[in-house]
Amino acid sequence: MKTEEFDYYLPEELIAQTPAENRDSSKLLVLDRKNRSLTHGIFSDILHYIDPGDALVINNTRVIKARLIGRRSTGGRVEVLLLNPAGSDTWECLVRPGHKLPPGEQIFVGDLVGQVQARTPYGGRLITWRYQGNWEDVLERVGRVPLPPYIKTPLEDPERYQTVYAQVPGSAAAPTAGLHFTPSLLDKLSSKGVELIPVTLNVGLGTFRPVTVEDIEDHEMHSESYEITEEAAEAVNKCKESGHRVFAVGTTVVRVLESSCHDGKVLPGKASTSLFIYPGYRFKVVDCMITNFHLPKSTLLMMVSAFAGKQFVMDAYQEAIKRRYRFFSFGDAMLIW
């Protein structure tokens, strides 16, 4: 299957630059896979699609201030995005400008000092950091929220790039499908008898690395770490066994659930996943998916196409563009069931 098959034209003004005034007031496009029909609403309507006994699985990761702007030893400007821990005080990072950061080069970000150790296979760097005090406190002081490059408008409230249930620090990007939920909406779902089940996947390069190969089968996913507790695994399995549905909030949750499933059971534990889901994949756990609108030719668009059918998804995207939906991280949402 060709990467070009997942391309589409998006008017630039439809790329959401700021969050919706109220999280759950975003538009919601509902894709009915059985009837191949589309329904338009607002996100709070999600309450009417999830039944008592169903499971809503959320990613409770929290975005860290992973964007570091500093200087090289020569005084030149450098930008670093922390991706994954890779040992004691060493991180896998994306850097810019990359060609000016060979192994041995030093980076200064306030009182944080990094030394480039090696290049990574994906064009990044392994960087070891020296600092005084607690790492989380240092990042809070010198780091910035790593908004995607297509968002040009400064974010007034950094918490709007966090889900209301974000708890476990470690992500370089938000699991954006979850940005639409409010405490009130979650309370209403719980009161209805919907079980809220947290899992953790630290969003890194695997989620947003672009596909540059001609054939999608040749794309190599970068691994991302995840954790699913015994309680969470048991709850998901119980939901499936009882004939209820598993709603995955976002593509990161889909990857956790599908990666942790073996012999029909979701297994608990900490692991890494490089699972690449594209059309032809047979889903084992996820019954319904809540997601945002994704970039052209991205692995996320390919996953959604695997779930609902490529042509149906591409047609839905055209309908969303026609109706002026807002796209990407701060944009509107889709429910696929």
C-alpha atoms as a PDB file:
ATOM      1  CA  MET A   1       0.000   0.000   0.000  1.00  0.00           C
ATOM      2  CA  LYS A   2       1.387   3.409  -0.992  1.00  0.00           C
ATOM      3  CA  THR A   3       1.930   6.269   1.415  1.00  0.00           C
ATOM      4  CA  GLU A   4       0.411   8.653  -1.143  1.00  0.00           C
ATOM      5  CA  GLU A   5      -2.945   6.939  -0.689  1.00  0.00           C
ATOM      6  CA  PHE A   6      -3.196   8.595   2.731  1.00  0.00           C
ATOM      7  CA  ASP A   7      -2.587  12.124   1.497  1.00  0.00           C
ATOM      8  CA  TYR A   8      -5.216  14.859   1.473  1.00  0.00           C
ATOM      9  CA  TYR A   9      -5.335  18.635   1.088  1.00  0.00           C
ATOM     10  CA  LEU A  10      -6.124  20.643   4.199  1.00  0.00           C
ATOM     11  CA  PRO A  11      -6.666  24.423   4.074  1.00  0.00           C
ATOM     12  CA  GLU A  12      -4.208  25.978   6.492  1.00  0.00           C
ATOM     13  CA  GLU A  13      -6.918  27.918   8.300  1.00  0.00           C
ATOM     14  CA  LEU A  14      -8.447  24.619   9.496  1.00  0.00           C
ATOM     15  CA  ILE A  15      -5.362  23.780  11.589  1.00  0.00           C
ATOM     16  CA  ALA A  16      -6.531  24.630  15.116  1.00  0.00           C
ATOM     17  CA  GLN A  17      -4.164  27.103  16.756  1.00  0.00           C
ATOM     18  CA  THR A  18      -5.860  27.315  20.148  1.00  0.00           C
ATOM     19  CA  PRO A  19      -7.971  24.949  22.266  1.00  0.00           C
ATOM     20  CA  ALA A  20     -11.750  25.186  22.223  1.00  0.00           C
ATOM     21  CA  GLU A  21     -13.114  27.547  24.869  1.00  0.00           C
ATOM     22  CA  ASN A  22     -14.699  24.567  26.624  1.00  0.00           C
ATOM     23  CA  ARG A  23     -13.017  21.202  26.244  1.00  0.00           C
ATOM     24  CA  ASP A  24     -16.178  19.227  25.526  1.00  0.00           C
ATOM     25  CA  SER A  25     -17.703  21.789  23.147  1.00  0.00           C
ATOM     26  CA  SER A  26     -15.564  20.694  20.194  1.00  0.00           C
ATOM     27  CA  LYS A  27     -17.348  19.224  17.208  1.00  0.00           C
ATOM     28  CA  LEU A  28     -17.736  15.447  17.093  1.00  0.00           C
ATOM     29  CA  LEU A  29     -17.956  13.482  13.854  1.00  0.00           C
ATOM     30  CA  VAL A  30     -19.383  10.009  14.482  1.00  0.00           C
ATOM     31  CA  LEU A  31     -18.443   7.245  12.018  1.00  0.00           C
ATOM     32  CA  ASP A  32     -20.753   4.244  12.067  1.00  0.00           C
ATOM     33  CA  ARG A  33     -18.672   1.405  10.602  1.00  0.00           C
ATOM     34  CA  LYS A  34     -21.623  -0.951  10.161  1.00  0.00           C
ATOM     35  CA  ASN A  35     -23.904   1.435   8.279  1.00  0.00           C
ATOM     36  CA  ARG A  36     -21.132   3.543   6.718  1.00  0.00           C
ATOM     37  CA  SER A  37     -22.909   6.678   7.946  1.00  0.00           C
ATOM     38  CA  LEU A  38     -21.729   9.981   9.410  1.00  0.00           C
ATOM     39  CA  THR A  39     -23.371  11.952  12.226  1.00  0.00           C
ATOM     40  CA  HIS A  40     -22.407  15.453  13.368  1.00  0.00           C
ATOM     41  CA  GLY A  41     -22.575  16.660  16.951  1.00  0.00           C
ATOM     42  CA  ILE A  42     -20.504  18.065  19.804  1.00  0.00           C
ATOM     43  CA  PHE A  43     -18.091  16.135  21.982  1.00  0.00           C
ATOM     44  CA  SER A  44     -20.313  16.010  25.050  1.00  0.00           C
ATOM     45  CA  ASP A  45     -22.681  13.861  22.941  1.00  0.00           C
ATOM     46  CA  ILE A  46     -20.200  11.031  23.543  1.00  0.00           C
ATOM     47  CA  LEU A  47     -22.214  10.301  26.685  1.00  0.00           C
ATOM     48  CA  HIS A  48     -25.039   8.917  24.523  1.00  0.00           C
ATOM     49  CA  TYR A  49     -22.842   6.449  22.636  1.00  0.00           C
ATOM     50  CA  ILE A  50     -21.204   4.689  25.584  1.00  0.00           C
ATOM     51  CA  ASP A  51     -23.397   2.194  27.459  1.00  0.00           C
ATOM     52  CA  PRO A  52     -23.337   0.988  31.076  1.00  0.00           C
ATOM     53  CA  GLY A  53     -20.752  -1.781  31.373  1.00  0.00           C
ATOM     54  CA  ASP A  54     -18.605  -0.441  28.559  1.00  0.00           C
ATOM     55  CA  ALA A  55     -14.982   0.461  29.321  1.00  0.00           C
ATOM     56  CA  LEU A  56     -13.413   3.820  28.526  1.00  0.00           C
ATOM     57  CA  VAL A  57      -9.639   3.363  28.431  1.00  0.00           C
ATOM     58  CA  ILE A  58      -7.595   6.551  28.856  1.00  0.00           C
ATOM     59  CA  ASN A  59      -3.890   7.387  28.663  1.00  0.00           C
ATOM     60  CA  ASN A  60      -2.910   9.102  31.914  1.00  0.00           C
ATOM     61  CA  THR A  61       0.515  10.255  30.742  1.00  0.00           C
ATOM     62  CA  ARG A  62       1.516  13.838  31.443  1.00  0.00           C
ATOM     63  CA  VAL A  63       3.466  16.056  29.059  1.00  0.00           C
ATOM     64  CA  ILE A  64       6.778  17.211  30.474  1.00  0.00           C
ATOM     65  CA  LYS A  65       8.464  20.480  29.541  1.00  0.00           C
ATOM     66  CA  ALA A  66      10.539  18.578  27.022  1.00  0.00           C
ATOM     67  CA  ARG A  67      11.455  21.465  24.709  1.00  0.00           C
ATOM     68  CA  LEU A  68      14.819  22.955  25.619  1.00  0.00           C
ATOM     69  CA  ILE A  69      16.199  26.055  23.905  1.00  0.00           C
ATOM     70  CA  GLY A  70      19.831  26.838  24.578  1.00  0.00           C
ATOM     71  CA  ARG A  71      23.203  27.391  22.961  1.00  0.00           C
ATOM     72  CA  ARG A  72      26.188  25.392  21.818  1.00  0.00           C
ATOM     73  CA  SER A  73      29.697  25.938  23.105  1.00  0.00           C
ATOM     74  CA  THR A  74      30.257  28.237  20.106  1.00  0.00           C
ATOM     75  CA  GLY A  75      27.287  30.384  21.146  1.00  0.00           C
ATOM     76  CA  GLY A  76      24.948  29.220  18.376  1.00  0.00           C
ATOM     77  CA  ARG A  77      21.284  28.583  19.138  1.00  0.00           C
ATOM     78  CA  VAL A  78      20.138  24.982  19.560  1.00  0.00           C
ATOM     79  CA  GLU A  79      16.771  23.375  20.212  1.00  0.00           C
ATOM     80  CA  VAL A  80      16.334  19.971  21.870  1.00  0.00           C
ATOM     81  CA  LEU A  81      13.220  17.813  22.270  1.00  0.00           C
ATOM     82  CA  LEU A  82      13.487  15.136  24.962  1.00  0.00           C
ATOM     83  CA  LEU A  83      11.940  11.874  23.771  1.00  0.00           C
ATOM     84  CA  ASN A  84      12.828   8.857  25.908  1.00  0.00           C
ATOM     85  CA  PRO A  85      15.107   8.173  28.882  1.00  0.00           C
ATOM     86  CA  ALA A  86      18.053   6.058  27.732  1.00  0.00           C
ATOM     87  CA  GLY A  87      20.051   5.455  30.898  1.00  0.00           C
ATOM     88  CA  SER A  88      21.269   7.440  33.867  1.00  0.00           C
ATOM     89  CA  ASP A  89      20.657  11.128  33.012  1.00  0.00           C
ATOM     90  CA  THR A  90      20.800  10.252  29.316  1.00  0.00           C
ATOM     91  CA  TRP A  91      17.927  10.946  26.934  1.00  0.00           C
ATOM     92  CA  GLU A  92      17.155  10.167  23.349  1.00  0.00           C
ATOM     93  CA  CYS A  93      16.467  13.548  21.772  1.00  0.00           C
ATOM     94  CA  LEU A  94      15.622  15.320  18.580  1.00  0.00           C
ATOM     95  CA  VAL A  95      17.927  18.273  17.921  1.00  0.00           C
ATOM     96  CA  ARG A  96      18.035  21.293  15.651  1.00  0.00           C
ATOM     97  CA  PRO A  97      20.269  22.111  13.865  1.00  0.00           C
ATOM     98  CA  GLY A  98      21.355  18.481  13.813  1.00  0.00           C
ATOM     99  CA  HIS A  99      24.362  18.862  11.527  1.00  0.00           C
ATOM    100  CA  LYS A 100      26.039  21.152  14.057  1.00  0.00           C
ATOM    101  CA  LEU A 101      25.694  18.763  16.986  1.00  0.00           C
ATOM    102  CA  PRO A 102      28.238  15.946  16.547  1.00  0.00           C
ATOM    103  CA  PRO A 103      29.194  13.591  19.381  1.00  0.00           C
ATOM    104  CA  GLY A 104      31.168  15.488  21.992  1.00  0.00           C
ATOM    105  CA  GLU A 105      29.379  18.785  21.462  1.00  0.00           C
ATOM    106  CA  GLN A 106      28.048  20.509  24.585  1.00  0.00           C
ATOM    107  CA  ILE A 107      24.671  22.201  25.018  1.00  0.00           C
ATOM    108  CA  PHE A 108      23.845  24.834  27.649  1.00  0.00           C
ATOM    109  CA  VAL A 109      20.257  25.466  28.759  1.00  0.00           C
ATOM    110  CA  GLY A 110      20.352  27.736  31.794  1.00  0.00           C
ATOM    111  CA  ASP A 111      22.248  25.752  34.431  1.00  0.00           C
ATOM    112  CA  LEU A 112      21.538  22.484  32.575  1.00  0.00           C
ATOM    113  CA  VAL A 113      24.526  21.155  30.601  1.00  0.00           C
ATOM    114  CA  GLY A 114      24.235  18.390  28.024  1.00  0.00           C
ATOM    115  CA  GLN A 115      26.868  16.451  26.114  1.00  0.00           C
ATOM    116  CA  VAL A 116      26.081  14.677  22.869  1.00  0.00           C
ATOM    117  CA  GLN A 117      27.078  11.019  23.165  1.00  0.00           C
ATOM    118  CA  ALA A 118      26.017   9.526  19.834  1.00  0.00           C
ATOM    119  CA  ARG A 119      23.690   9.769  16.873  1.00  0.00           C
ATOM    120  CA  THR A 120      20.564   7.612  16.795  1.00  0.00           C
ATOM    121  CA  PRO A 121      19.300   5.603  13.792  1.00  0.00           C
ATOM    122  CA  TYR A 122      16.385   8.043  13.443  1.00  0.00           C
ATOM    123  CA  GLY A 123      18.488  11.186  13.123  1.00  0.00           C
ATOM    124  CA  GLY A 124      18.372  12.165  16.787  1.00  0.00           C
ATOM    125  CA  ARG A 125      21.027  12.244  19.496  1.00  0.00           C
ATOM    126  CA  LEU A 126      21.780  10.565  22.796  1.00  0.00           C
ATOM    127  CA  ILE A 127      22.524  13.368  25.253  1.00  0.00           C
ATOM    128  CA  THR A 128      23.742  13.064  28.842  1.00  0.00           C
ATOM    129  CA  TRP A 129      22.748  15.935  31.137  1.00  0.00           C
ATOM    130  CA  ARG A 130      24.459  17.446  34.187  1.00  0.00           C
ATOM    131  CA  TYR A 131      22.445  19.482  36.665  1.00  0.00           C
ATOM    132  CA  GLN A 132      21.992  20.336  40.310  1.00  0.00           C
ATOM    133  CA  GLY A 133      18.952  19.180  42.266  1.00  0.00           C
ATOM    134  CA  ASN A 134      15.874  17.296  41.088  1.00  0.00           C
ATOM    135  CA  TRP A 135      15.488  16.559  37.358  1.00  0.00           C
ATOM    136  CA  GLU A 136      11.746  17.338  37.322  1.00  0.00           C
ATOM    137  CA  ASP A 137      12.349  20.672  39.041  1.00  0.00           C
ATOM    138  CA  VAL A 138      15.083  21.559  36.570  1.00  0.00           C
ATOM    139  CA  LEU A 139      12.819  20.810  33.592  1.00  0.00           C
ATOM    140  CA  GLU A 140      10.002  22.820  35.129  1.00  0.00           C
ATOM    141  CA  ARG A 141      12.362  25.766  35.422  1.00  0.00           C
ATOM    142  CA  VAL A 142      14.220  25.725  32.081  1.00  0.00           C
ATOM    143  CA  GLY A 143      11.964  23.688  29.778  1.00  0.00           C
ATOM    144  CA  ARG A 144       8.966  24.636  27.671  1.00  0.00           C
ATOM    145  CA  VAL A 145       5.785  22.818  26.689  1.00  0.00           C
ATOM    146  CA  PRO A 146       6.625  21.098  23.359  1.00  0.00           C
ATOM    147  CA  LEU A 147       3.722  22.208  21.158  1.00  0.00           C
ATOM    148  CA  PRO A 148       3.661  20.736  17.638  1.00  0.00           C
ATOM    149  CA  PRO A 149       5.368  22.903  14.986  1.00  0.00           C
ATOM    150  CA  TYR A 150       2.102  23.600  13.156  1.00  0.00           C
ATOM    151  CA  ILE A 151       0.795  25.509  16.202  1.00  0.00           C
ATOM    152  CA  LYS A 152       2.102  29.057  15.841  1.00  0.00           C
ATOM    153  CA  THR A 153      -0.028  30.779  18.491  1.00  0.00           C
ATOM    154  CA  PRO A 154       1.465  30.887  22.020  1.00  0.00           C
ATOM    155  CA  LEU A 155      -0.479  28.817  24.540  1.00  0.00           C
ATOM    156  CA  GLU A 156      -1.810  31.032  27.333  1.00  0.00           C
ATOM    157  CA  ASP A 157      -2.509  28.173  29.747  1.00  0.00           C
ATOM    158  CA  PRO A 158      -0.065  25.220  29.525  1.00  0.00           C
ATOM    159  CA  GLU A 159      -2.629  22.992  31.286  1.00  0.00           C
ATOM    160  CA  ARG A 160      -4.783  23.099  28.150  1.00  0.00           C
ATOM    161  CA  TYR A 161      -2.150  20.852  26.523  1.00  0.00           C
ATOM    162  CA  GLN A 162      -2.717  18.321  29.310  1.00  0.00           C
ATOM    163  CA  THR A 163      -5.692  16.018  29.774  1.00  0.00           C
ATOM    164  CA  VAL A 164      -7.663  16.565  32.970  1.00  0.00           C
ATOM    165  CA  TYR A 165      -6.546  13.090  34.076  1.00  0.00           C
ATOM    166  CA  ALA A 166      -2.827  13.498  33.279  1.00  0.00           C
ATOM    167  CA  GLN A 167      -0.810  11.996  36.159  1.00  0.00           C
ATOM    168  CA  VAL A 168       2.327  10.173  35.001  1.00  0.00           C
ATOM    169  CA  PRO A 169       5.056  12.532  33.680  1.00  0.00           C
ATOM    170  CA  GLY A 170       6.996  11.407  30.624  1.00  0.00           C
ATOM    171  CA  SER A 171       5.427  12.456  27.313  1.00  0.00           C
ATOM    172  CA  ALA A 172       6.865  14.726  24.637  1.00  0.00           C
ATOM    173  CA  ALA A 173       3.359  15.287  23.253  1.00  0.00           C
ATOM    174  CA  ALA A 174      -0.181  15.113  24.569  1.00  0.00           C
ATOM    175  CA  PRO A 175      -2.551  12.212  23.863  1.00  0.00           C
ATOM    176  CA  THR A 176      -4.795  14.751  22.194  1.00  0.00           C
ATOM    177  CA  ALA A 177      -8.021  12.734  21.911  1.00  0.00           C
ATOM    178  CA  GLY A 178      -8.257  13.004  25.689  1.00  0.00           C
ATOM    179  CA  LEU A 179      -8.101  16.806  25.683  1.00  0.00           C
ATOM    180  CA  HIS A 180     -11.863  16.926  25.053  1.00  0.00           C
ATOM    181  CA  PHE A 181     -12.872  15.336  28.350  1.00  0.00           C
ATOM    182  CA  THR A 182     -13.892  17.430  31.349  1.00  0.00           C
ATOM    183  CA  PRO A 183     -14.193  16.282  34.978  1.00  0.00           C
ATOM    184  CA  SER A 184     -17.960  16.729  34.696  1.00  0.00           C
ATOM    185  CA  LEU A 185     -18.210  14.565  31.583  1.00  0.00           C
ATOM    186  CA  LEU A 186     -16.087  11.853  33.191  1.00  0.00           C
ATOM    187  CA  ASP A 187     -18.294  11.956  36.296  1.00  0.00           C
ATOM    188  CA  LYS A 188     -21.401  11.541  34.153  1.00  0.00           C
ATOM    189  CA  LEU A 189     -19.868   8.535  32.401  1.00  0.00           C
ATOM    190  CA  SER A 190     -18.937   6.949  35.726  1.00  0.00           C
ATOM    191  CA  SER A 191     -22.428   7.582  37.108  1.00  0.00           C
ATOM    192  CA  LYS A 192     -23.849   5.904  34.032  1.00  0.00           C
ATOM    193  CA  GLY A 193     -21.925   2.734  34.814  1.00  0.00           C
ATOM    194  CA  VAL A 194     -19.026   3.197  32.410  1.00  0.00           C
ATOM    195  CA  GLU A 195     -15.701   1.968  33.810  1.00  0.00           C
ATOM    196  CA  LEU A 196     -12.790   4.384  33.388  1.00  0.00           C
ATOM    197  CA  ILE A 197      -9.535   2.455  32.998  1.00  0.00           C
ATOM    198  CA  PRO A 198      -6.162   4.242  32.952  1.00  0.00           C
ATOM    199  CA  VAL A 199      -3.108   2.969  31.093  1.00  0.00           C
ATOM    200  CA  THR A 200       0.129   4.813  30.359  1.00  0.00           C
ATOM    201  CA  LEU A 201       2.031   5.346  27.123  1.00  0.00           C
ATOM    202  CA  ASN A 202       4.695   8.032  27.010  1.00  0.00           C
ATOM    203  CA  VAL A 203       4.197   9.702  23.656  1.00  0.00           C
ATOM    204  CA  GLY A 204       7.443   9.987  21.721  1.00  0.00           C
ATOM    205  CA  LEU A 205       8.856   9.724  18.232  1.00  0.00           C
ATOM    206  CA  GLY A 206       6.848   6.628  17.322  1.00  0.00           C
ATOM    207  CA  THR A 207       3.587   8.547  17.445  1.00  0.00           C
ATOM    208  CA  PHE A 208       4.516  11.566  15.344  1.00  0.00           C
ATOM    209  CA  ARG A 209       7.488  10.520  13.192  1.00  0.00           C
ATOM    210  CA  PRO A 210       6.452  11.072   9.560  1.00  0.00           C
ATOM    211  CA  VAL A 211       6.285   8.297   6.983  1.00  0.00           C
ATOM    212  CA  THR A 212       8.849   9.029   4.281  1.00  0.00           C
ATOM    213  CA  VAL A 213       8.963   5.704   2.430  1.00  0.00           C
ATOM    214  CA  GLU A 214       6.936   5.019  -0.705  1.00  0.00           C
ATOM    215  CA  ASP A 215       5.401   1.760   0.570  1.00  0.00           C
ATOM    216  CA  ILE A 216       3.951   1.961   4.071  1.00  0.00           C
ATOM    217  CA  GLU A 217       5.065  -1.609   4.817  1.00  0.00           C
ATOM    218  CA  ASP A 218       8.675  -0.335   4.710  1.00  0.00           C
ATOM    219  CA  HIS A 219       8.128   2.198   7.505  1.00  0.00           C
ATOM    220  CA  GLU A 220       9.807   1.342  10.815  1.00  0.00           C
ATOM    221  CA  MET A 221       8.024   2.492  13.955  1.00  0.00           C
ATOM    222  CA  HIS A 222      10.075   3.892  16.799  1.00  0.00           C
ATOM    223  CA  SER A 223       9.350   2.158  20.100  1.00  0.00           C
ATOM    224  CA  GLU A 224       7.484   3.862  22.942  1.00  0.00           C
ATOM    225  CA  SER A 225       7.246   2.684  26.544  1.00  0.00           C
ATOM    226  CA  TYR A 226       3.930   1.779  28.123  1.00  0.00           C
ATOM    227  CA  GLU A 227       2.504   0.300  31.297  1.00  0.00           C
ATOM    228  CA  ILE A 228      -0.752  -1.469  32.011  1.00  0.00           C
ATOM    229  CA  THR A 229      -1.447  -2.438  35.609  1.00  0.00           C
ATOM    230  CA  GLU A 230      -2.926  -5.726  36.766  1.00  0.00           C
ATOM    231  CA  GLU A 231      -6.134  -3.899  37.705  1.00  0.00           C
ATOM    232  CA  ALA A 232      -6.404  -2.292  34.275  1.00  0.00           C
ATOM    233  CA  ALA A 233      -5.717  -5.528  32.407  1.00  0.00           C
ATOM    234  CA  GLU A 234      -8.258  -7.384  34.528  1.00  0.00           C
ATOM    235  CA  ALA A 235     -10.891  -4.699  33.958  1.00  0.00           C
ATOM    236  CA  VAL A 236     -10.424  -4.715  30.175  1.00  0.00           C
ATOM    237  CA  ASN A 237     -10.559  -8.506  30.025  1.00  0.00           C
ATOM    238  CA  LYS A 238     -13.681  -8.586  32.205  1.00  0.00           C
ATOM    239  CA  CYS A 239     -15.344  -6.049  29.908  1.00  0.00           C
ATOM    240  CA  LYS A 240     -14.601  -8.172  26.835  1.00  0.00           C
ATOM    241  CA  GLU A 241     -15.711 -11.395  28.510  1.00  0.00           C
ATOM    242  CA  SER A 242     -19.039  -9.854  29.528  1.00  0.00           C
ATOM    243  CA  GLY A 243     -19.805  -8.795  25.960  1.00  0.00           C
ATOM    244  CA  HIS A 244     -19.403  -5.066  26.548  1.00  0.00           C
ATOM    245  CA  ARG A 245     -17.331  -2.731  24.411  1.00  0.00           C
ATOM    246  CA  VAL A 246     -13.873  -1.256  24.897  1.00  0.00           C
ATOM    247  CA  PHE A 247     -13.618   2.418  23.901  1.00  0.00           C
ATOM    248  CA  ALA A 248     -10.019   3.535  23.337  1.00  0.00           C
ATOM    249  CA  VAL A 249      -9.426   7.246  23.897  1.00  0.00           C
ATOM    250  CA  GLY A 250      -6.802   7.960  21.268  1.00  0.00           C
ATOM    251  CA  THR A 251      -4.346   6.079  19.115  1.00  0.00           C
ATOM    252  CA  THR A 252      -1.877   5.723  21.999  1.00  0.00           C
ATOM    253  CA  VAL A 253      -4.417   3.686  23.966  1.00  0.00           C
ATOM    254  CA  VAL A 254      -5.066   1.553  20.894  1.00  0.00           C
ATOM    255  CA  ARG A 255      -1.349   0.754  20.694  1.00  0.00           C
ATOM    256  CA  VAL A 256      -1.187  -0.151  24.399  1.00  0.00           C
ATOM    257  CA  LEU A 257      -4.187  -2.472  24.275  1.00  0.00           C
ATOM    258  CA  GLU A 258      -3.324  -4.168  21.011  1.00  0.00           C
ATOM    259  CA  SER A 259       0.361  -4.551  21.968  1.00  0.00           C
ATOM    260  CA  SER A 260      -0.433  -6.082  25.357  1.00  0.00           C
ATOM    261  CA  CYS A 261      -2.934  -8.641  24.028  1.00  0.00           C
ATOM    262  CA  HIS A 262      -1.741 -12.244  23.788  1.00  0.00           C
ATOM    263  CA  ASP A 263      -3.937 -15.287  23.223  1.00  0.00           C
ATOM    264  CA  GLY A 264      -7.020 -13.108  23.536  1.00  0.00           C
ATOM    265  CA  LYS A 265      -6.062 -11.597  26.893  1.00  0.00           C
ATOM    266  CA  VAL A 266      -4.628  -8.190  27.777  1.00  0.00           C
ATOM    267  CA  LEU A 267      -1.549  -8.808  29.901  1.00  0.00           C
ATOM    268  CA  PRO A 268      -0.279  -6.404  32.585  1.00  0.00           C
ATOM    269  CA  GLY A 269       3.253  -5.093  32.763  1.00  0.00           C
ATOM    270  CA  LYS A 270       5.769  -2.545  31.555  1.00  0.00           C
ATOM    271  CA  ALA A 271       7.025  -2.897  27.999  1.00  0.00           C
ATOM    272  CA  SER A 272       7.847  -1.058  24.797  1.00  0.00           C
ATOM    273  CA  THR A 273       5.849  -1.184  21.603  1.00  0.00           C
ATOM    274  CA  SER A 274       6.797  -0.532  18.002  1.00  0.00           C
ATOM    275  CA  LEU A 275       3.477  -1.842  16.705  1.00  0.00           C
ATOM    276  CA  PHE A 276       2.549  -0.250  13.369  1.00  0.00           C
ATOM    277  CA  ILE A 277      -1.161  -0.581  12.620  1.00  0.00           C
ATOM    278  CA  TYR A 278      -2.239  -0.045   9.025  1.00  0.00           C
ATOM    279  CA  PRO A 279      -5.018  -1.437   6.784  1.00  0.00           C
ATOM    280  CA  GLY A 280      -5.135  -5.201   6.955  1.00  0.00           C
ATOM    281  CA  TYR A 281      -4.525  -5.315  10.713  1.00  0.00           C
ATOM    282  CA  ARG A 282      -7.039  -7.372  12.713  1.00  0.00           C
ATOM    283  CA  PHE A 283      -7.990  -5.646  15.974  1.00  0.00           C
ATOM    284  CA  LYS A 284      -8.103  -7.912  19.014  1.00  0.00           C
ATOM    285  CA  VAL A 285      -9.235  -5.639  21.854  1.00  0.00           C
ATOM    286  CA  VAL A 286     -10.529  -2.249  20.730  1.00  0.00           C
ATOM    287  CA  ASP A 287     -14.201  -2.038  19.739  1.00  0.00           C
ATOM    288  CA  CYS A 288     -14.606   1.741  19.426  1.00  0.00           C
ATOM    289  CA  MET A 289     -12.110   4.567  19.024  1.00  0.00           C
ATOM    290  CA  ILE A 290     -12.179   8.245  19.988  1.00  0.00           C
ATOM    291  CA  THR A 291      -9.587  10.229  18.091  1.00  0.00           C
ATOM    292  CA  ASN A 292      -8.709  13.601  16.590  1.00  0.00           C
ATOM    293  CA  PHE A 293      -8.091  14.392  12.920  1.00  0.00           C
ATOM    294  CA  HIS A 294      -4.562  13.453  11.914  1.00  0.00           C
ATOM    295  CA  LEU A 295      -1.894  14.762   9.575  1.00  0.00           C
ATOM    296  CA  PRO A 296      -1.770  13.564   5.968  1.00  0.00           C
ATOM    297  CA  LYS A 297       0.373  10.467   5.361  1.00  0.00           C
ATOM    298  CA  SER A 298       0.809   9.868   9.106  1.00  0.00           C
ATOM    299  CA  THR A 299       0.874   6.519  10.902  1.00  0.00           C
ATOM    300  CA  LEU A 300      -2.077   7.741  12.965  1.00  0.00           C
ATOM    301  CA  LEU A 301      -4.225   8.265   9.877  1.00  0.00           C
ATOM    302  CA  MET A 302      -3.177   4.800   8.724  1.00  0.00           C
ATOM    303  CA  MET A 303      -4.265   3.293  12.055  1.00  0.00           C
ATOM    304  CA  VAL A 304      -7.664   4.971  11.868  1.00  0.00           C
ATOM    305  CA  SER A 305      -7.999   3.733   8.277  1.00  0.00           C
ATOM    306  CA  ALA A 306      -7.259   0.208   9.454  1.00  0.00           C
ATOM    307  CA  PHE A 307     -10.038   0.511  12.004  1.00  0.00           C
ATOM    308  CA  ALA A 308     -12.784   2.022   9.851  1.00  0.00           C
ATOM    309  CA  GLY A 309     -11.680   1.363   6.268  1.00  0.00           C
ATOM    310  CA  LYS A 310      -9.460   3.665   4.241  1.00  0.00           C
ATOM    311  CA  GLN A 311     -12.054   4.987   1.808  1.00  0.00           C
ATOM    312  CA  PHE A 312     -14.634   5.580   4.544  1.00  0.00           C
ATOM    313  CA  VAL A 313     -12.082   7.525   6.584  1.00  0.00           C
ATOM    314  CA  MET A 314     -10.844   9.588   3.652  1.00  0.00           C
ATOM    315  CA  ASP A 315     -14.444  10.413   2.701  1.00  0.00           C
ATOM    316  CA  ALA A 316     -15.137  11.412   6.316  1.00  0.00           C
ATOM    317  CA  TYR A 317     -12.123  13.717   6.282  1.00  0.00           C
ATOM    318  CA  GLN A 318     -13.425  15.420   3.146  1.00  0.00           C
ATOM    319  CA  GLU A 319     -16.801  15.895   4.823  1.00  0.00           C
ATOM    320  CA  ALA A 320     -15.073  17.362   7.882  1.00  0.00           C
ATOM    321  CA  ILE A 321     -13.124  19.792   5.699  1.00  0.00           C
ATOM    322  CA  LYS A 322     -16.312  20.771   3.892  1.00  0.00           C
ATOM    323  CA  ARG A 323     -18.009  21.498   7.226  1.00  0.00           C
ATOM    324  CA  ARG A 324     -15.003  23.434   8.530  1.00  0.00           C
ATOM    325  CA  TYR A 325     -13.989  21.101  11.335  1.00  0.00           C
ATOM    326  CA  ARG A 326     -10.789  22.051  13.162  1.00  0.00           C
ATOM    327  CA  PHE A 327      -7.866  19.665  12.672  1.00  0.00           C
ATOM    328  CA  PHE A 328      -4.922  18.212  14.609  1.00  0.00           C
ATOM    329  CA  SER A 329      -3.946  18.579  18.293  1.00  0.00           C
ATOM    330  CA  PHE A 330      -6.344  21.343  19.374  1.00  0.00           C
ATOM    331  CA  GLY A 331      -8.951  20.378  16.804  1.00  0.00           C
ATOM    332  CA  ASP A 332     -12.239  18.532  16.802  1.00  0.00           C
ATOM    333  CA  ALA A 333     -12.835  14.829  17.412  1.00  0.00           C
ATOM    334  CA  MET A 334     -14.120  11.665  15.813  1.00  0.00           C
ATOM    335  CA  LEU A 335     -15.894   8.701  17.348  1.00  0.00           C
ATOM    336  CA  ILE A 336     -15.557   5.506  15.313  1.00  0.00           C
ATOM    337  CA  TRP A 337     -17.816   2.645  16.358  1.00  0.00           C
END
